[in-house]
C-alpha cells in the first residue's frame, strides 16, 4: 500500500452523457453503474483505478467502432456519379447463337 499525499480530490470523469451501453457502462465516462454510485465514498487511489479502467474501456470501444466502420466500408457499393462519362460496354460475341429457327 503506497502512502501518497492528497492535495486534491480526483475529479469525476463524468462528461454529462449519461446513457448506458449494452454492457451497462456509461457511454460518456465508461464507468459501470456501481462505479458511478460509489464514486463519492471511495478514496483517491480507488478513483484513479476506476479512471484507468475507464480509459481501457474507451480504447476497446473505439477499436470496435473502427473495426465496424471498416467492415461497413467494405460492404459499401460505390454508386457512379451522373457526371462521369458512361462506361461503354461491349457485346460478348464469343458465343454463337443460332437464330435460324426464331420467328417473330
C-alpha atoms as a PDB file:
ATOM      1  CA  UNK A   1       0.000   0.000   0.000  1.00  0.00           C
ATOM      2  CA  UNK A   2       1.547   3.267  -1.063  1.00  0.00           C
ATOM      3  CA  UNK A   3       1.107   6.353   1.014  1.00  0.00           C
ATOM      4  CA  UNK A   4       0.527   9.440  -1.072  1.00  0.00           C
ATOM      5  CA  UNK A   5      -0.203  12.993  -0.063  1.00  0.00           C
ATOM      6  CA  UNK A   6      -3.589  14.007  -1.380  1.00  0.00           C
ATOM      7  CA  UNK A   7      -3.883  17.711  -2.002  1.00  0.00           C
ATOM      8  CA  UNK A   8      -6.775  17.486  -4.474  1.00  0.00           C
ATOM      9  CA  UNK A   9      -9.569  15.027  -4.837  1.00  0.00           C
ATOM     10  CA  UNK A  10      -9.751  13.094  -8.117  1.00  0.00           C
ATOM     11  CA  UNK A  11     -12.492  14.761 -10.195  1.00  0.00           C
ATOM     12  CA  UNK A  12     -15.333  12.740 -11.593  1.00  0.00           C
ATOM     13  CA  UNK A  13     -14.798  11.659 -15.218  1.00  0.00           C
ATOM     14  CA  UNK A  14     -18.453  12.421 -15.976  1.00  0.00           C
ATOM     15  CA  UNK A  15     -18.908  14.446 -19.172  1.00  0.00           C
ATOM     16  CA  UNK A  16     -22.681  14.719 -18.977  1.00  0.00           C
ATOM     17  CA  UNK A  17     -23.537  11.968 -21.480  1.00  0.00           C
ATOM     18  CA  UNK A  18     -25.345   9.666 -19.096  1.00  0.00           C
ATOM     19  CA  UNK A  19     -26.554   6.832 -21.291  1.00  0.00           C
ATOM     20  CA  UNK A  20     -25.821   3.151 -20.837  1.00  0.00           C
ATOM     21  CA  UNK A  21     -24.231   0.842 -23.357  1.00  0.00           C
ATOM     22  CA  UNK A  22     -25.454  -2.719 -23.833  1.00  0.00           C
ATOM     23  CA  UNK A  23     -22.746  -3.728 -21.316  1.00  0.00           C
ATOM     24  CA  UNK A  24     -24.166  -1.383 -18.660  1.00  0.00           C
ATOM     25  CA  UNK A  25     -21.357   1.153 -18.928  1.00  0.00           C
ATOM     26  CA  UNK A  26     -21.907   4.879 -19.294  1.00  0.00           C
ATOM     27  CA  UNK A  27     -21.348   5.982 -22.895  1.00  0.00           C
ATOM     28  CA  UNK A  28     -19.815   9.236 -21.670  1.00  0.00           C
ATOM     29  CA  UNK A  29     -17.332   8.253 -18.951  1.00  0.00           C
ATOM     30  CA  UNK A  30     -17.324   4.438 -19.348  1.00  0.00           C
ATOM     31  CA  UNK A  31     -17.955   3.813 -15.650  1.00  0.00           C
ATOM     32  CA  UNK A  32     -20.222   0.984 -14.553  1.00  0.00           C
ATOM     33  CA  UNK A  33     -23.325   1.725 -12.521  1.00  0.00           C
ATOM     34  CA  UNK A  34     -21.609   0.556  -9.346  1.00  0.00           C
ATOM     35  CA  UNK A  35     -18.557   2.730 -10.055  1.00  0.00           C
ATOM     36  CA  UNK A  36     -20.783   5.775 -10.505  1.00  0.00           C
ATOM     37  CA  UNK A  37     -22.724   5.042  -7.316  1.00  0.00           C
ATOM     38  CA  UNK A  38     -19.674   4.615  -5.050  1.00  0.00           C
ATOM     39  CA  UNK A  39     -17.647   7.480  -6.542  1.00  0.00           C
ATOM     40  CA  UNK A  40     -18.243   9.940  -3.688  1.00  0.00           C
ATOM     41  CA  UNK A  41     -17.460   7.380  -0.976  1.00  0.00           C
ATOM     42  CA  UNK A  42     -14.173   5.875  -2.241  1.00  0.00           C
ATOM     43  CA  UNK A  43     -10.615   7.142  -1.795  1.00  0.00           C
ATOM     44  CA  UNK A  44      -8.427   8.745  -4.456  1.00  0.00           C
ATOM     45  CA  UNK A  45      -6.486   5.537  -5.162  1.00  0.00           C
ATOM     46  CA  UNK A  46      -9.707   3.695  -5.973  1.00  0.00           C
ATOM     47  CA  UNK A  47     -10.897   6.600  -8.113  1.00  0.00           C
ATOM     48  CA  UNK A  48      -7.645   6.526 -10.093  1.00  0.00           C
ATOM     49  CA  UNK A  49      -8.031   2.771 -10.631  1.00  0.00           C
ATOM     50  CA  UNK A  50     -11.558   3.326 -11.932  1.00  0.00           C
ATOM     51  CA  UNK A  51     -10.326   6.047 -14.306  1.00  0.00           C
ATOM     52  CA  UNK A  52      -7.632   3.697 -15.663  1.00  0.00           C
ATOM     53  CA  UNK A  53     -10.277   1.016 -16.275  1.00  0.00           C
ATOM     54  CA  UNK A  54     -12.479   3.610 -17.984  1.00  0.00           C
ATOM     55  CA  UNK A  55      -9.618   4.604 -20.288  1.00  0.00           C
ATOM     56  CA  UNK A  56      -9.124   0.940 -21.230  1.00  0.00           C
ATOM     57  CA  UNK A  57     -12.850   0.509 -21.880  1.00  0.00           C
ATOM     58  CA  UNK A  58     -12.910   3.617 -24.050  1.00  0.00           C
ATOM     59  CA  UNK A  59      -9.964   2.376 -26.135  1.00  0.00           C
ATOM     60  CA  UNK A  60     -11.671  -1.008 -26.636  1.00  0.00           C
ATOM     61  CA  UNK A  61     -14.906   0.704 -27.648  1.00  0.00           C
ATOM     62  CA  UNK A  62     -13.073   2.927 -30.144  1.00  0.00           C
ATOM     63  CA  UNK A  63     -11.343  -0.121 -31.672  1.00  0.00           C
ATOM     64  CA  UNK A  64     -14.713  -1.843 -32.064  1.00  0.00           C
ATOM     65  CA  UNK A  65     -16.166   1.224 -33.790  1.00  0.00           C
ATOM     66  CA  UNK A  66     -13.176   1.429 -36.142  1.00  0.00           C
ATOM     67  CA  UNK A  67     -13.481  -2.271 -36.981  1.00  0.00           C
ATOM     68  CA  UNK A  68     -17.231  -1.922 -37.585  1.00  0.00           C
ATOM     69  CA  UNK A  69     -16.706   1.072 -39.878  1.00  0.00           C
ATOM     70  CA  UNK A  70     -14.065  -0.851 -41.832  1.00  0.00           C
ATOM     71  CA  UNK A  71     -16.485  -3.746 -42.357  1.00  0.00           C
ATOM     72  CA  UNK A  72     -19.237  -1.369 -43.461  1.00  0.00           C
ATOM     73  CA  UNK A  73     -16.898   0.367 -45.904  1.00  0.00           C
ATOM     74  CA  UNK A  74     -16.048  -2.987 -47.474  1.00  0.00           C
ATOM     75  CA  UNK A  75     -19.758  -3.653 -47.983  1.00  0.00           C
ATOM     76  CA  UNK A  76     -20.414  -0.212 -49.442  1.00  0.00           C
ATOM     77  CA  UNK A  77     -21.215  -0.227 -53.131  1.00  0.00           C
ATOM     78  CA  UNK A  78     -19.872   2.772 -54.970  1.00  0.00           C
ATOM     79  CA  UNK A  79     -22.608   4.454 -56.969  1.00  0.00           C
ATOM     80  CA  UNK A  80     -21.236   6.014 -60.145  1.00  0.00           C
ATOM     81  CA  UNK A  81     -21.708   9.731 -60.491  1.00  0.00           C
ATOM     82  CA  UNK A  82     -24.119  11.032 -63.109  1.00  0.00           C
ATOM     83  CA  UNK A  83     -21.382  13.470 -64.084  1.00  0.00           C
ATOM     84  CA  UNK A  84     -18.955  10.695 -65.055  1.00  0.00           C
ATOM     85  CA  UNK A  85     -18.695   9.551 -68.635  1.00  0.00           C
ATOM     86  CA  UNK A  86     -20.703   6.363 -69.100  1.00  0.00           C
ATOM     87  CA  UNK A  87     -18.746   3.158 -69.443  1.00  0.00           C
ATOM     88  CA  UNK A  88     -19.116   1.715 -72.913  1.00  0.00           C
ATOM     89  CA  UNK A  89     -19.995  -1.893 -72.660  1.00  0.00           C
ATOM     90  CA  UNK A  90     -19.057  -4.274 -75.394  1.00  0.00           C
ATOM     91  CA  UNK A  91     -21.210  -7.112 -76.505  1.00  0.00           C
ATOM     92  CA  UNK A  92     -19.913 -10.566 -75.838  1.00  0.00           C
ATOM     93  CA  UNK A  93     -19.704 -12.135 -79.272  1.00  0.00           C
ATOM     94  CA  UNK A  94     -17.748 -15.158 -78.151  1.00  0.00           C
ATOM     95  CA  UNK A  95     -20.847 -17.375 -78.149  1.00  0.00           C
ATOM     96  CA  UNK A  96     -22.514 -18.255 -81.401  1.00  0.00           C
ATOM     97  CA  UNK A  97     -26.280 -18.111 -81.229  1.00  0.00           C
ATOM     98  CA  UNK A  98     -28.331 -19.773 -83.879  1.00  0.00           C
ATOM     99  CA  UNK A  99     -31.368 -17.597 -84.676  1.00  0.00           C
ATOM    100  CA  UNK A 100     -32.427 -19.532 -87.764  1.00  0.00           C
ATOM    101  CA  UNK A 101     -35.428 -21.074 -86.006  1.00  0.00           C
ATOM    102  CA  UNK A 102     -36.536 -17.820 -84.374  1.00  0.00           C
ATOM    103  CA  UNK A 103     -39.735 -16.263 -85.680  1.00  0.00           C
ATOM    104  CA  UNK A 104     -41.492 -13.013 -84.896  1.00  0.00           C
END
